[in-house]
Each structure stands twice: as C-alpha cells, then as structure tokens.
Amino acid sequence: MAKKKVVVLDYGSGNVRSAVRALEAAGAEVELTADADKVQAADGLVVPGVGAYASVMDQLTKLGALRWIGRRIAGGKPVLGICVGHQVFFDEGVEHGVKTAGIGEWPGTVERLQADVIPHMGWNTVRPPENTKLFAGIENERFYFVHSYGVQKWEFDVTQPAMTPPQVTWSTHGTPFIAAVENGALSAVQFHPEKSGEAGKKLLSNWLETL
C-alpha cells in the first residue's frame, strides 16, 4: 500500500523535526515545507506550534498559511494541529492580558490554566469520547504535555440537526481542559504525540488511517 503523503507546515515554529520523524515512524511519507501547492496536494497537513499563541498566529498570517489551511478544511482535506497548532483553531488566545484572534474553527478562549504548578509538563491521562478515531486502542494511555494555556470550556452550538458535533477529549491539570478535538477533516491535540512514545505513535497512525 502506498504511503500517505503528509506535509508538516514549515512556518518557523521551533523544533519540528521530531514531528517529522514521528510521522515517518508511524508510516507516512513526510515533507517539511511552506510550499502552497504541496500543502494543498498532500493527503494530510500537520500544523505544529510551540511558544506564544500571538507569535504563532503572526507567523501563520505572514506566510499566508491561514488561507491554505482554510481551503483544506473547506474541501474536507485532513489537517492535524499540535500544541499551539491545536490552540489556534479556537476563537482567541489571551496571554498576559493581551487578546489575539485565532482561526475560529471552534468557539473558546485559550487562557492560562488554573493550577498550582505551571507549566503543565509531563505525562497525563485523557478522557476521549466513546466513538473516537484518534484514540482508538489507546483510550487509557498517557500522553506528554508541555503548556501553560488551554481551553477550559466547550460551548459549541449545533445549529443544523444533520451536523455531527465535534468530539472533544478532556484532560485535567488543576482544572479540566480540552486535550483534543476531532471535527471531520480537522483534528487537533494539545499534547505532543511525537514525544508520547508508543501511544503517540499509535495516535499518529490512527490519524493516518483517516486520510
């Protein structure tokens, strides 16, 4: 069977080589690029992200990548966001009192976690929904998180009866927060699958199977 072609979006976000290697280990043919045509043509697009919400949104905007990402989602072509690349799909991020508009695929504000120890760093369990595809076979595994901010409320209104609402996976650090969302062609995870050992590899291979 031909390997699925995956592009990891190269827009200047930190160390993404580990994501490339993890996807290759999960069975994909991977290219790290910011070429618009390759982004559109790929079977799957991964949007990584480390650091501050505002700077990630700024880098994506300057590259013109918001249009590419939007076009893929509108066309039902799979996209996977990781860490801050998960957070930017919500309405907005608030860091140090400054609000930054996000991509707005889902309602919600990315804000500082209410916990005694920040950042939330290390292994943690998640609570996926029953019919999850991403977490199939790894529902009870632990994943590796490094973050200080997250979405702590889910307020998605289903306006069309025929619409399948997004599936939300939760975790807890001080307070519950959204660890992953599965929404048709668009999926995103707050943790780092590329740092999550065998569980992370299985999650990536589960995602590859949806392409």
Protein backbone atom coordinates (compact mmCIF):
# COMPACT_ATOMS: atom_id res chain seq x y z
CA MET A 1 0.00 0.00 0.00
CA ALA A 2 1.33 3.45 -0.95
CA LYS A 3 2.40 5.61 1.96
CA LYS A 4 0.22 8.60 2.76
CA LYS A 5 1.90 11.91 1.86
CA VAL A 6 1.95 14.33 4.80
CA VAL A 7 3.22 17.90 4.87
CA VAL A 8 4.43 19.37 8.16
CA LEU A 9 3.92 23.11 7.75
CA ASP A 10 7.27 24.89 7.97
CA TYR A 11 6.43 28.40 9.13
CA GLY A 12 9.23 28.97 11.65
CA SER A 13 7.80 27.14 14.67
CA GLY A 14 10.52 25.71 16.90
CA ASN A 15 11.81 22.16 16.63
CA VAL A 16 9.51 20.33 14.23
CA ARG A 17 11.99 17.66 13.18
CA SER A 18 10.72 15.38 15.95
CA ALA A 19 7.19 15.63 14.49
CA VAL A 20 8.55 14.72 11.04
CA ARG A 21 10.40 11.69 12.46
CA ALA A 22 7.36 10.54 14.47
CA LEU A 23 5.09 10.70 11.41
CA GLU A 24 7.66 8.75 9.39
CA ALA A 25 7.81 6.14 12.16
CA ALA A 26 4.00 5.92 12.01
CA GLY A 27 4.23 5.08 8.30
CA ALA A 28 3.87 8.36 6.39
CA GLU A 29 5.94 9.92 3.65
CA VAL A 30 6.68 13.33 5.16
CA GLU A 31 7.88 16.66 3.81
CA LEU A 32 8.63 19.79 5.86
CA THR A 33 7.66 22.68 3.59
CA ALA A 34 5.88 26.02 3.23
CA ASP A 35 5.08 25.48 -0.45
CA ALA A 36 1.40 26.33 -1.02
CA ASP A 37 0.92 23.76 -3.81
CA LYS A 38 2.44 20.96 -1.74
CA VAL A 39 0.29 21.96 1.26
CA GLN A 40 -2.84 21.62 -0.91
CA ALA A 41 -1.78 18.40 -2.64
CA ALA A 42 -0.79 16.44 0.48
CA ASP A 43 -3.02 13.69 1.87
CA GLY A 44 -2.60 15.27 5.31
CA LEU A 45 -1.32 18.57 6.72
CA VAL A 46 0.20 18.90 10.20
CA VAL A 47 0.28 22.34 11.83
CA PRO A 48 2.80 22.26 14.69
CA GLY A 49 3.22 25.07 17.19
CA VAL A 50 5.39 25.97 20.15
CA GLY A 51 5.72 29.16 22.18
CA ALA A 52 3.26 32.03 22.30
CA TYR A 53 -0.19 31.98 20.68
CA ALA A 54 0.25 35.52 19.29
CA SER A 55 3.58 34.77 17.61
CA VAL A 56 2.27 31.53 16.05
CA MET A 57 -0.76 33.38 14.63
CA ASP A 58 1.55 36.15 13.39
CA GLN A 59 3.86 33.68 11.63
CA LEU A 60 0.94 31.79 10.04
CA THR A 61 -0.63 35.07 8.87
CA LYS A 62 2.58 36.46 7.37
CA LEU A 63 3.14 33.23 5.44
CA GLY A 64 -0.41 33.29 4.05
CA ALA A 65 -0.98 29.87 5.60
CA LEU A 66 -4.38 30.70 7.11
CA ARG A 67 -5.85 30.69 3.60
CA TRP A 68 -4.20 27.35 2.76
CA ILE A 69 -5.45 25.77 5.99
CA GLY A 70 -8.95 27.15 5.47
CA ARG A 71 -9.06 25.84 1.91
CA ARG A 72 -8.07 22.35 3.04
CA ILE A 73 -10.70 22.26 5.81
CA ALA A 74 -13.41 23.58 3.46
CA GLY A 75 -12.50 20.87 0.95
CA GLY A 76 -12.60 18.11 3.58
CA LYS A 77 -8.83 17.51 3.35
CA PRO A 78 -7.36 16.38 6.69
CA VAL A 79 -5.48 18.76 8.97
CA LEU A 80 -3.90 17.94 12.35
CA GLY A 81 -2.88 20.68 14.80
CA ILE A 82 -0.37 20.00 17.60
CA CYS A 83 0.13 22.01 20.83
CA VAL A 84 -0.17 25.73 19.94
CA GLY A 85 -1.14 24.42 16.49
CA HIS A 86 -4.19 22.99 18.33
CA GLN A 87 -4.90 26.20 20.25
CA VAL A 88 -5.01 28.50 17.20
CA PHE A 89 -8.11 26.73 15.84
CA PHE A 90 -10.15 28.30 18.67
CA ASP A 91 -11.61 31.83 18.66
CA GLU A 92 -8.88 33.59 20.59
CA GLY A 93 -5.92 33.36 22.91
CA VAL A 94 -5.28 35.54 25.95
CA GLU A 95 -1.69 35.80 27.19
CA HIS A 96 -0.56 38.40 29.74
CA GLY A 97 -3.86 40.24 29.31
CA VAL A 98 -3.44 40.55 25.53
CA LYS A 99 -6.12 39.04 23.29
CA THR A 100 -5.16 37.57 19.91
CA ALA A 101 -7.74 36.41 17.37
CA GLY A 102 -7.38 32.78 16.32
CA ILE A 103 -8.57 30.87 13.25
CA GLY A 104 -12.01 30.47 14.84
CA GLU A 105 -12.97 26.97 13.71
CA TRP A 106 -14.21 26.29 17.26
CA PRO A 107 -15.58 28.56 19.97
CA GLY A 108 -13.38 29.05 23.01
CA THR A 109 -10.64 31.10 24.59
CA VAL A 110 -7.14 29.78 25.20
CA GLU A 111 -6.18 31.09 28.64
CA ARG A 112 -3.82 30.36 31.50
CA LEU A 113 -4.54 27.09 33.29
CA GLN A 114 -5.83 27.38 36.85
CA ALA A 115 -3.23 25.18 38.53
CA ASP A 116 -0.70 25.38 41.37
CA VAL A 117 2.14 24.28 39.09
CA ILE A 118 2.59 25.93 35.69
CA PRO A 119 3.55 24.86 33.07
CA HIS A 120 1.68 21.58 32.91
CA MET A 121 4.68 19.48 31.95
CA GLY A 122 4.84 15.71 31.76
CA TRP A 123 2.61 12.68 31.26
CA ASN A 124 -1.13 12.80 31.81
CA THR A 125 -4.21 10.71 31.08
CA VAL A 126 -7.02 11.84 28.77
CA ARG A 127 -10.77 11.16 28.59
CA PRO A 128 -11.76 10.61 24.94
CA PRO A 129 -15.37 10.19 23.78
CA GLU A 130 -16.75 6.72 23.02
CA ASN A 131 -16.59 6.82 19.23
CA THR A 132 -13.14 8.40 18.94
CA LYS A 133 -10.95 7.51 15.97
CA LEU A 134 -7.79 9.26 17.12
CA PHE A 135 -7.64 7.41 20.44
CA ALA A 136 -8.87 4.02 19.22
CA GLY A 137 -6.95 1.38 21.19
CA ILE A 138 -5.16 3.99 23.34
CA GLU A 139 -8.07 5.37 25.36
CA ASN A 140 -6.32 4.65 28.67
CA GLU A 141 -2.78 5.66 27.71
CA ARG A 142 -0.84 8.69 28.93
CA PHE A 143 0.41 11.49 26.68
CA TYR A 144 3.15 14.09 27.06
CA PHE A 145 2.07 17.70 27.67
CA VAL A 146 4.09 20.94 27.85
CA HIS A 147 1.85 24.01 28.12
CA SER A 148 0.64 26.77 30.41
CA TYR A 149 -2.53 27.67 28.49
CA GLY A 150 -5.58 25.76 27.33
CA VAL A 151 -9.31 25.92 26.54
CA GLN A 152 -11.26 25.20 29.72
CA LYS A 153 -14.85 25.47 28.43
CA TRP A 154 -16.60 23.94 25.42
CA GLU A 155 -19.55 25.96 24.11
CA PHE A 156 -20.27 24.58 20.67
CA ASP A 157 -23.84 25.01 19.45
CA VAL A 158 -25.11 22.52 16.88
CA THR A 159 -27.23 24.66 14.58
CA GLN A 160 -28.01 22.01 11.95
CA PRO A 161 -29.70 18.78 13.10
CA ALA A 162 -27.80 16.75 10.47
CA MET A 163 -24.47 18.04 11.70
CA THR A 164 -22.22 15.74 13.68
CA PRO A 165 -20.86 17.76 16.60
CA PRO A 166 -17.10 17.73 17.19
CA GLN A 167 -15.78 15.06 19.55
CA VAL A 168 -13.92 16.52 22.49
CA THR A 169 -11.27 14.79 24.62
CA TRP A 170 -10.54 16.23 28.07
CA SER A 171 -7.63 16.12 30.49
CA THR A 172 -7.13 17.76 33.90
CA HIS A 173 -4.31 19.83 35.35
CA GLY A 174 -5.70 21.87 38.22
CA THR A 175 -8.84 22.28 36.14
CA PRO A 176 -10.29 20.33 33.19
CA PHE A 177 -9.07 21.48 29.78
CA ILE A 178 -9.53 20.34 26.18
CA ALA A 179 -6.82 17.84 25.24
CA ALA A 180 -8.05 17.08 21.70
CA VAL A 181 -10.84 17.76 19.22
CA GLU A 182 -11.95 15.59 16.30
CA ASN A 183 -14.13 17.51 13.84
CA GLY A 184 -14.45 15.98 10.38
CA ALA A 185 -11.31 16.79 8.40
CA LEU A 186 -9.87 18.86 11.26
CA SER A 187 -8.28 17.25 14.32
CA ALA A 188 -6.04 18.83 16.94
CA VAL A 189 -4.25 17.74 20.11
CA GLN A 190 -2.87 19.83 22.97
CA PHE A 191 -0.19 17.28 23.88
CA HIS A 192 2.85 16.23 21.84
CA PRO A 193 2.25 12.86 20.13
CA GLU A 194 5.85 12.96 18.86
CA LYS A 195 7.04 12.93 22.50
CA SER A 196 4.44 10.41 23.72
CA GLY A 197 6.22 7.15 22.89
CA GLU A 198 4.18 4.21 21.59
CA ALA A 199 0.85 5.86 22.48
CA GLY A 200 1.77 8.90 20.41
CA LYS A 201 2.89 6.73 17.50
CA LYS A 202 -0.43 4.86 17.59
CA LEU A 203 -2.36 8.14 17.65
CA LEU A 204 -0.49 9.35 14.58
CA SER A 205 -1.07 6.05 12.78
CA ASN A 206 -4.78 6.28 13.71
CA TRP A 207 -4.82 9.74 12.12
CA LEU A 208 -3.01 8.47 9.01
CA GLU A 209 -5.71 5.81 8.61
CA THR A 210 -8.33 8.58 8.27
CA LEU A 211 -6.50 10.19 5.33
